């Protein structure tokens, strides 16, 4: 069963975000899939993608870009 995306009116700065959450500050990373939008592909979300273990729930670091 696919989870429904949460849409936020403002970024959840320093708040927890799930991969398919989205807000108006969404800015895709260079490696993002164009047809899929969500925090997982956002430059402001920190899912520890460069670490050995990625996080299931990330942290919104808006307006600080984590990955470009």
C-alpha atoms as a PDB file:
ATOM      1  CA  UNK A   1       0.000   0.000   0.000  1.00  0.00           C
ATOM      2  CA  UNK A   2       1.452   3.350  -1.061  1.00  0.00           C
ATOM      3  CA  UNK A   3       1.623   6.117   1.554  1.00  0.00           C
ATOM      4  CA  UNK A   4      -0.187   9.343   0.810  1.00  0.00           C
ATOM      5  CA  UNK A   5       2.098  12.361   0.497  1.00  0.00           C
ATOM      6  CA  UNK A   6       1.749  15.174   3.008  1.00  0.00           C
ATOM      7  CA  UNK A   7       1.653  18.634   1.474  1.00  0.00           C
ATOM      8  CA  UNK A   8       2.787  21.489   3.687  1.00  0.00           C
ATOM      9  CA  UNK A   9       2.043  25.187   3.206  1.00  0.00           C
ATOM     10  CA  UNK A  10       5.499  26.135   4.520  1.00  0.00           C
ATOM     11  CA  UNK A  11       8.791  24.229   4.955  1.00  0.00           C
ATOM     12  CA  UNK A  12       9.024  22.155   8.151  1.00  0.00           C
ATOM     13  CA  UNK A  13      12.318  23.828   9.139  1.00  0.00           C
ATOM     14  CA  UNK A  14      14.147  21.508  11.570  1.00  0.00           C
ATOM     15  CA  UNK A  15      11.112  19.213  11.535  1.00  0.00           C
ATOM     16  CA  UNK A  16      10.801  15.576  10.517  1.00  0.00           C
ATOM     17  CA  UNK A  17       9.886  14.857   6.903  1.00  0.00           C
ATOM     18  CA  UNK A  18       9.044  11.622   5.123  1.00  0.00           C
ATOM     19  CA  UNK A  19      10.406  10.874   1.637  1.00  0.00           C
ATOM     20  CA  UNK A  20       7.136  11.659  -0.156  1.00  0.00           C
ATOM     21  CA  UNK A  21       6.281  14.841   1.809  1.00  0.00           C
ATOM     22  CA  UNK A  22       6.419  18.089  -0.158  1.00  0.00           C
ATOM     23  CA  UNK A  23       6.224  21.853   0.414  1.00  0.00           C
ATOM     24  CA  UNK A  24       6.540  25.058  -1.659  1.00  0.00           C
ATOM     25  CA  UNK A  25      10.324  25.186  -0.981  1.00  0.00           C
ATOM     26  CA  UNK A  26      10.880  21.899  -2.854  1.00  0.00           C
ATOM     27  CA  UNK A  27      14.062  22.237  -4.913  1.00  0.00           C
ATOM     28  CA  UNK A  28      15.134  19.052  -6.696  1.00  0.00           C
ATOM     29  CA  UNK A  29      18.662  17.696  -6.349  1.00  0.00           C
ATOM     30  CA  UNK A  30      20.681  17.204  -9.537  1.00  0.00           C
ATOM     31  CA  UNK A  31      20.037  13.442  -9.446  1.00  0.00           C
ATOM     32  CA  UNK A  32      16.276  13.785  -8.829  1.00  0.00           C
ATOM     33  CA  UNK A  33      13.809  11.952 -11.027  1.00  0.00           C
ATOM     34  CA  UNK A  34      11.815  14.734 -12.744  1.00  0.00           C
ATOM     35  CA  UNK A  35       8.457  12.943 -12.565  1.00  0.00           C
ATOM     36  CA  UNK A  36       8.744  12.290  -8.804  1.00  0.00           C
ATOM     37  CA  UNK A  37       8.552  15.127  -6.304  1.00  0.00           C
ATOM     38  CA  UNK A  38       9.035  14.887  -2.571  1.00  0.00           C
ATOM     39  CA  UNK A  39      11.433  15.564   0.277  1.00  0.00           C
ATOM     40  CA  UNK A  40      13.562  12.541  -0.659  1.00  0.00           C
ATOM     41  CA  UNK A  41      14.698  14.416  -3.782  1.00  0.00           C
ATOM     42  CA  UNK A  42      14.842  17.898  -2.231  1.00  0.00           C
ATOM     43  CA  UNK A  43      18.125  19.763  -1.725  1.00  0.00           C
ATOM     44  CA  UNK A  44      16.980  20.929   1.729  1.00  0.00           C
ATOM     45  CA  UNK A  45      16.149  17.510   3.203  1.00  0.00           C
ATOM     46  CA  UNK A  46      18.728  15.632   5.235  1.00  0.00           C
ATOM     47  CA  UNK A  47      18.260  11.869   5.001  1.00  0.00           C
ATOM     48  CA  UNK A  48      21.999  11.206   5.566  1.00  0.00           C
ATOM     49  CA  UNK A  49      22.303  10.083   1.956  1.00  0.00           C
ATOM     50  CA  UNK A  50      26.094  10.267   2.070  1.00  0.00           C
ATOM     51  CA  UNK A  51      26.296   8.110   5.208  1.00  0.00           C
ATOM     52  CA  UNK A  52      26.515   4.330   5.466  1.00  0.00           C
ATOM     53  CA  UNK A  53      22.882   4.153   6.606  1.00  0.00           C
ATOM     54  CA  UNK A  54      20.251   6.509   5.261  1.00  0.00           C
ATOM     55  CA  UNK A  55      17.412   7.719   7.456  1.00  0.00           C
ATOM     56  CA  UNK A  56      13.832   6.602   6.929  1.00  0.00           C
ATOM     57  CA  UNK A  57      12.637   9.980   8.231  1.00  0.00           C
ATOM     58  CA  UNK A  58      14.667  13.055   7.322  1.00  0.00           C
ATOM     59  CA  UNK A  59      15.046  16.551   8.720  1.00  0.00           C
ATOM     60  CA  UNK A  60      14.153  19.681   6.753  1.00  0.00           C
ATOM     61  CA  UNK A  61      17.156  22.017   6.775  1.00  0.00           C
ATOM     62  CA  UNK A  62      15.509  24.793   4.737  1.00  0.00           C
ATOM     63  CA  UNK A  63      16.971  27.276   3.798  1.00  0.00           C
ATOM     64  CA  UNK A  64      20.357  25.484   4.133  1.00  0.00           C
ATOM     65  CA  UNK A  65      20.978  23.240   1.123  1.00  0.00           C
ATOM     66  CA  UNK A  66      22.294  19.776   2.042  1.00  0.00           C
ATOM     67  CA  UNK A  67      22.814  18.196  -1.402  1.00  0.00           C
ATOM     68  CA  UNK A  68      22.823  19.889  -4.773  1.00  0.00           C
END
